[in-house]
Amino acid sequence: MINRTSILTAAITASIGLISPQSVIAQSPNIQTKGPIIHLADNLGEEAMLGWCIDTKGRELSDQLHAHSCKPQGDDVLFSFTPETGMIESATYEGLCMSYDDPENAVFPFGLITCDDADAGQHFAFDAASMQLHLAADAAQCVTVSATISDAGPFQSRDLILAACDDLDPSFKQWVIQQ
């Protein structure tokens, strides 16, 4: 015979899972990178549990950005965010900033170019409550990652893209800024 307490406990547990599915499903990465980084709060399927960091495409300096496994070592994942200016600057390549400079490029709309305070594409805002990073000029458009994971040597990568915040699962758009 089924116990009423067991049924009630099961119903409450199921309800909690429906109310807050992200807290049940989300898995934090094991960040090993030292220095300033911007990474997703959710590990989001990264095989080695390293998480996803904003990174330059390829090895060393590149003018294209993507999301990549947060490497334990590797200067190309080091980025700092300055809330006063809204600019995201490479900590490794002085004077180079993240820019939404190629909106027509579905794979690499973000680049790493010379910092220019007058360039609206280089100004971002971070909402600490929602953990969303978006264009300063358009809070409805969030910096996010694609659903597709690609192999990148011993690591993994995803496209770094811009999409409507309301259309995104929180695990794809919640960022942590580690200074």
C-alpha atoms as a PDB file:
ATOM      1  CA  MET A   1       0.000   0.000   0.000  1.00  0.00           C
ATOM      2  CA  ILE A   2       1.266   3.486  -0.868  1.00  0.00           C
ATOM      3  CA  ASN A   3       1.807   5.811   2.061  1.00  0.00           C
ATOM      4  CA  ARG A   4       0.043   9.229   1.847  1.00  0.00           C
ATOM      5  CA  THR A   5       3.141  10.947   3.235  1.00  0.00           C
ATOM      6  CA  SER A   6       5.244   9.475   0.412  1.00  0.00           C
ATOM      7  CA  ILE A   7       2.768  10.722  -2.186  1.00  0.00           C
ATOM      8  CA  LEU A   8       2.712  14.192  -0.621  1.00  0.00           C
ATOM      9  CA  THR A   9       6.536  14.310  -0.437  1.00  0.00           C
ATOM     10  CA  ALA A  10       6.816  13.233  -4.088  1.00  0.00           C
ATOM     11  CA  ALA A  11       4.283  15.880  -5.155  1.00  0.00           C
ATOM     12  CA  ILE A  12       6.112  18.643  -3.278  1.00  0.00           C
ATOM     13  CA  THR A  13       9.485  17.565  -4.696  1.00  0.00           C
ATOM     14  CA  ALA A  14       8.086  17.523  -8.251  1.00  0.00           C
ATOM     15  CA  SER A  15       6.533  20.981  -7.741  1.00  0.00           C
ATOM     16  CA  ILE A  16       9.827  22.443  -6.556  1.00  0.00           C
ATOM     17  CA  GLY A  17      11.516  21.030  -9.669  1.00  0.00           C
ATOM     18  CA  LEU A  18       8.917  22.721 -11.877  1.00  0.00           C
ATOM     19  CA  ILE A  19       9.147  26.032 -10.069  1.00  0.00           C
ATOM     20  CA  SER A  20      12.941  26.274 -10.147  1.00  0.00           C
ATOM     21  CA  PRO A  21      14.215  23.909 -12.839  1.00  0.00           C
ATOM     22  CA  GLN A  22      17.432  25.882 -13.408  1.00  0.00           C
ATOM     23  CA  SER A  23      18.615  25.471  -9.848  1.00  0.00           C
ATOM     24  CA  VAL A  24      18.016  21.746 -10.094  1.00  0.00           C
ATOM     25  CA  ILE A  25      19.580  21.286 -13.536  1.00  0.00           C
ATOM     26  CA  ALA A  26      22.341  23.948 -13.536  1.00  0.00           C
ATOM     27  CA  GLN A  27      25.875  22.820 -12.858  1.00  0.00           C
ATOM     28  CA  SER A  28      28.638  25.245 -11.907  1.00  0.00           C
ATOM     29  CA  PRO A  29      31.962  24.980 -13.734  1.00  0.00           C
ATOM     30  CA  ASN A  30      35.243  24.263 -11.990  1.00  0.00           C
ATOM     31  CA  ILE A  31      37.058  27.466 -12.964  1.00  0.00           C
ATOM     32  CA  GLN A  32      40.830  27.018 -12.847  1.00  0.00           C
ATOM     33  CA  THR A  33      41.826  30.126 -14.800  1.00  0.00           C
ATOM     34  CA  LYS A  34      43.734  32.748 -12.820  1.00  0.00           C
ATOM     35  CA  GLY A  35      43.124  36.396 -13.635  1.00  0.00           C
ATOM     36  CA  PRO A  36      40.238  38.434 -14.973  1.00  0.00           C
ATOM     37  CA  ILE A  37      37.752  36.395 -16.997  1.00  0.00           C
ATOM     38  CA  ILE A  38      34.138  36.540 -18.105  1.00  0.00           C
ATOM     39  CA  HIS A  39      32.547  33.089 -17.980  1.00  0.00           C
ATOM     40  CA  LEU A  40      29.123  31.480 -18.064  1.00  0.00           C
ATOM     41  CA  ALA A  41      27.710  30.672 -14.638  1.00  0.00           C
ATOM     42  CA  ASP A  42      26.573  27.238 -15.870  1.00  0.00           C
ATOM     43  CA  ASN A  43      29.065  24.625 -17.073  1.00  0.00           C
ATOM     44  CA  LEU A  44      26.599  24.038 -19.943  1.00  0.00           C
ATOM     45  CA  GLY A  45      27.988  20.694 -21.089  1.00  0.00           C
ATOM     46  CA  GLU A  46      31.709  21.501 -21.135  1.00  0.00           C
ATOM     47  CA  GLU A  47      33.189  17.985 -20.890  1.00  0.00           C
ATOM     48  CA  ALA A  48      36.085  18.755 -18.514  1.00  0.00           C
ATOM     49  CA  MET A  49      33.874  20.952 -16.259  1.00  0.00           C
ATOM     50  CA  LEU A  50      36.095  23.971 -17.056  1.00  0.00           C
ATOM     51  CA  GLY A  51      33.198  26.236 -18.056  1.00  0.00           C
ATOM     52  CA  TRP A  52      32.955  28.699 -20.956  1.00  0.00           C
ATOM     53  CA  CYS A  53      35.015  31.903 -21.189  1.00  0.00           C
ATOM     54  CA  ILE A  54      35.091  34.717 -23.713  1.00  0.00           C
ATOM     55  CA  ASP A  55      38.210  33.928 -25.759  1.00  0.00           C
ATOM     56  CA  THR A  56      40.104  34.888 -28.900  1.00  0.00           C
ATOM     57  CA  LYS A  57      39.582  32.489 -31.819  1.00  0.00           C
ATOM     58  CA  GLY A  58      42.572  30.233 -32.416  1.00  0.00           C
ATOM     59  CA  ARG A  59      45.884  30.424 -30.628  1.00  0.00           C
ATOM     60  CA  GLU A  60      47.274  33.756 -29.451  1.00  0.00           C
ATOM     61  CA  LEU A  61      46.001  37.070 -30.864  1.00  0.00           C
ATOM     62  CA  SER A  62      42.971  37.049 -33.154  1.00  0.00           C
ATOM     63  CA  ASP A  63      40.477  39.687 -34.201  1.00  0.00           C
ATOM     64  CA  GLN A  64      37.579  37.233 -33.703  1.00  0.00           C
ATOM     65  CA  LEU A  65      36.017  36.162 -30.409  1.00  0.00           C
ATOM     66  CA  HIS A  66      34.161  33.023 -29.378  1.00  0.00           C
ATOM     67  CA  ALA A  67      33.412  31.115 -26.191  1.00  0.00           C
ATOM     68  CA  HIS A  68      35.969  28.501 -25.255  1.00  0.00           C
ATOM     69  CA  SER A  69      36.696  26.134 -22.396  1.00  0.00           C
ATOM     70  CA  CYS A  70      38.161  28.250 -19.590  1.00  0.00           C
ATOM     71  CA  LYS A  71      41.713  26.995 -19.919  1.00  0.00           C
ATOM     72  CA  PRO A  72      43.724  26.549 -16.718  1.00  0.00           C
ATOM     73  CA  GLN A  73      46.494  28.457 -18.508  1.00  0.00           C
ATOM     74  CA  GLY A  74      46.157  30.612 -21.576  1.00  0.00           C
ATOM     75  CA  ASP A  75      46.259  34.357 -21.737  1.00  0.00           C
ATOM     76  CA  ASP A  76      43.724  34.633 -24.557  1.00  0.00           C
ATOM     77  CA  VAL A  77      40.773  34.077 -22.158  1.00  0.00           C
ATOM     78  CA  LEU A  78      41.737  36.997 -19.915  1.00  0.00           C
ATOM     79  CA  PHE A  79      39.250  39.871 -20.222  1.00  0.00           C
ATOM     80  CA  SER A  80      38.240  42.589 -17.792  1.00  0.00           C
ATOM     81  CA  PHE A  81      35.022  44.574 -17.697  1.00  0.00           C
ATOM     82  CA  THR A  82      34.992  48.216 -16.629  1.00  0.00           C
ATOM     83  CA  PRO A  83      31.450  49.134 -15.530  1.00  0.00           C
ATOM     84  CA  GLU A  84      32.121  52.900 -15.712  1.00  0.00           C
ATOM     85  CA  THR A  85      32.902  52.750 -19.436  1.00  0.00           C
ATOM     86  CA  GLY A  86      31.107  49.524 -20.323  1.00  0.00           C
ATOM     87  CA  MET A  87      34.165  48.295 -22.171  1.00  0.00           C
ATOM     88  CA  ILE A  88      35.541  44.749 -22.140  1.00  0.00           C
ATOM     89  CA  GLU A  89      39.294  44.852 -22.619  1.00  0.00           C
ATOM     90  CA  SER A  90      41.792  42.077 -23.189  1.00  0.00           C
ATOM     91  CA  ALA A  91      44.061  41.767 -20.168  1.00  0.00           C
ATOM     92  CA  THR A  92      46.718  40.221 -22.398  1.00  0.00           C
ATOM     93  CA  TYR A  93      46.578  42.373 -25.535  1.00  0.00           C
ATOM     94  CA  GLU A  94      46.724  45.942 -24.259  1.00  0.00           C
ATOM     95  CA  GLY A  95      44.476  48.432 -25.982  1.00  0.00           C
ATOM     96  CA  LEU A  96      42.225  45.803 -27.606  1.00  0.00           C
ATOM     97  CA  CYS A  97      38.543  45.577 -26.710  1.00  0.00           C
ATOM     98  CA  MET A  98      35.575  43.360 -27.428  1.00  0.00           C
ATOM     99  CA  SER A  99      33.305  44.849 -30.057  1.00  0.00           C
ATOM    100  CA  TYR A 100      30.036  43.884 -31.676  1.00  0.00           C
ATOM    101  CA  ASP A 101      31.568  44.886 -34.992  1.00  0.00           C
ATOM    102  CA  ASP A 102      30.232  42.380 -37.539  1.00  0.00           C
ATOM    103  CA  PRO A 103      26.471  41.910 -36.892  1.00  0.00           C
ATOM    104  CA  GLU A 104      25.973  40.212 -40.272  1.00  0.00           C
ATOM    105  CA  ASN A 105      28.433  37.459 -39.342  1.00  0.00           C
ATOM    106  CA  ALA A 106      26.357  34.684 -37.723  1.00  0.00           C
ATOM    107  CA  VAL A 107      29.429  32.861 -36.382  1.00  0.00           C
ATOM    108  CA  PHE A 108      31.800  35.688 -35.343  1.00  0.00           C
ATOM    109  CA  PRO A 109      29.826  38.904 -34.779  1.00  0.00           C
ATOM    110  CA  PHE A 110      32.194  39.890 -31.958  1.00  0.00           C
ATOM    111  CA  GLY A 111      35.728  41.014 -32.622  1.00  0.00           C
ATOM    112  CA  LEU A 112      38.789  42.132 -30.729  1.00  0.00           C
ATOM    113  CA  ILE A 113      39.763  45.535 -32.057  1.00  0.00           C
ATOM    114  CA  THR A 114      41.500  48.724 -30.937  1.00  0.00           C
ATOM    115  CA  CYS A 115      39.612  50.220 -27.995  1.00  0.00           C
ATOM    116  CA  ASP A 116      37.584  53.254 -29.060  1.00  0.00           C
ATOM    117  CA  ASP A 117      35.335  54.976 -26.537  1.00  0.00           C
ATOM    118  CA  ALA A 118      33.320  56.495 -29.416  1.00  0.00           C
ATOM    119  CA  ASP A 119      32.430  53.051 -30.840  1.00  0.00           C
ATOM    120  CA  ALA A 120      28.940  52.096 -29.584  1.00  0.00           C
ATOM    121  CA  GLY A 121      29.665  48.444 -30.448  1.00  0.00           C
ATOM    122  CA  GLN A 122      32.307  48.403 -27.688  1.00  0.00           C
ATOM    123  CA  HIS A 123      29.955  49.439 -24.902  1.00  0.00           C
ATOM    124  CA  PHE A 124      28.266  46.758 -22.825  1.00  0.00           C
ATOM    125  CA  ALA A 125      26.233  46.683 -19.641  1.00  0.00           C
ATOM    126  CA  PHE A 126      26.101  43.969 -17.023  1.00  0.00           C
ATOM    127  CA  ASP A 127      22.996  43.424 -14.916  1.00  0.00           C
ATOM    128  CA  ALA A 128      24.259  41.734 -11.750  1.00  0.00           C
ATOM    129  CA  ALA A 129      20.749  40.636 -10.685  1.00  0.00           C
ATOM    130  CA  SER A 130      19.995  38.740 -13.904  1.00  0.00           C
ATOM    131  CA  MET A 131      23.683  38.101 -14.701  1.00  0.00           C
ATOM    132  CA  GLN A 132      23.010  39.266 -18.261  1.00  0.00           C
ATOM    133  CA  LEU A 133      25.648  40.965 -20.390  1.00  0.00           C
ATOM    134  CA  HIS A 134      24.135  43.041 -23.169  1.00  0.00           C
ATOM    135  CA  LEU A 135      24.856  45.879 -25.524  1.00  0.00           C
ATOM    136  CA  ALA A 136      24.704  49.171 -23.625  1.00  0.00           C
ATOM    137  CA  ALA A 137      22.561  50.627 -26.398  1.00  0.00           C
ATOM    138  CA  ASP A 138      20.095  47.702 -26.416  1.00  0.00           C
ATOM    139  CA  ALA A 139      19.303  45.892 -23.162  1.00  0.00           C
ATOM    140  CA  ALA A 140      17.045  43.475 -25.070  1.00  0.00           C
ATOM    141  CA  GLN A 141      20.040  41.899 -26.871  1.00  0.00           C
ATOM    142  CA  CYS A 142      22.215  39.595 -24.733  1.00  0.00           C
ATOM    143  CA  VAL A 143      25.697  38.230 -25.275  1.00  0.00           C
ATOM    144  CA  THR A 144      25.185  34.474 -25.386  1.00  0.00           C
ATOM    145  CA  VAL A 145      26.657  31.255 -26.732  1.00  0.00           C
ATOM    146  CA  SER A 146      25.353  28.944 -29.423  1.00  0.00           C
ATOM    147  CA  ALA A 147      23.911  25.550 -28.579  1.00  0.00           C
ATOM    148  CA  THR A 148      26.493  23.786 -30.759  1.00  0.00           C
ATOM    149  CA  ILE A 149      29.718  22.602 -29.139  1.00  0.00           C
ATOM    150  CA  SER A 150      32.800  22.107 -31.323  1.00  0.00           C
ATOM    151  CA  ASP A 151      36.059  20.353 -30.514  1.00  0.00           C
ATOM    152  CA  ALA A 152      38.988  22.742 -30.111  1.00  0.00           C
ATOM    153  CA  GLY A 153      42.050  20.573 -29.586  1.00  0.00           C
ATOM    154  CA  PRO A 154      41.904  19.183 -26.050  1.00  0.00           C
ATOM    155  CA  PHE A 155      39.172  21.748 -25.257  1.00  0.00           C
ATOM    156  CA  GLN A 156      35.804  22.836 -26.662  1.00  0.00           C
ATOM    157  CA  SER A 157      34.319  25.971 -28.202  1.00  0.00           C
ATOM    158  CA  ARG A 158      30.978  27.581 -28.979  1.00  0.00           C
ATOM    159  CA  ASP A 159      30.060  30.584 -31.089  1.00  0.00           C
ATOM    160  CA  LEU A 160      29.736  33.817 -29.097  1.00  0.00           C
ATOM    161  CA  ILE A 161      26.655  35.563 -30.448  1.00  0.00           C
ATOM    162  CA  LEU A 162      24.051  38.213 -29.716  1.00  0.00           C
ATOM    163  CA  ALA A 163      20.385  37.224 -29.351  1.00  0.00           C
ATOM    164  CA  ALA A 164      17.134  38.477 -27.886  1.00  0.00           C
ATOM    165  CA  CYS A 165      17.403  38.057 -24.103  1.00  0.00           C
ATOM    166  CA  ASP A 166      13.769  36.972 -23.781  1.00  0.00           C
ATOM    167  CA  ASP A 167      14.352  34.062 -26.192  1.00  0.00           C
ATOM    168  CA  LEU A 168      17.247  32.557 -24.240  1.00  0.00           C
ATOM    169  CA  ASP A 169      17.474  29.866 -21.611  1.00  0.00           C
ATOM    170  CA  PRO A 170      19.202  31.418 -18.563  1.00  0.00           C
ATOM    171  CA  SER A 171      22.107  28.951 -18.739  1.00  0.00           C
ATOM    172  CA  PHE A 172      23.124  30.443 -22.107  1.00  0.00           C
ATOM    173  CA  LYS A 173      23.103  34.085 -20.979  1.00  0.00           C
ATOM    174  CA  GLN A 174      24.131  34.242 -17.310  1.00  0.00           C
ATOM    175  CA  TRP A 175      27.718  35.451 -16.979  1.00  0.00           C
ATOM    176  CA  VAL A 176      30.140  35.810 -14.093  1.00  0.00           C
ATOM    177  CA  ILE A 177      32.680  38.618 -14.213  1.00  0.00           C
ATOM    178  CA  GLN A 178      35.806  37.601 -12.307  1.00  0.00           C
ATOM    179  CA  GLN A 179      38.155  40.555 -11.874  1.00  0.00           C
END
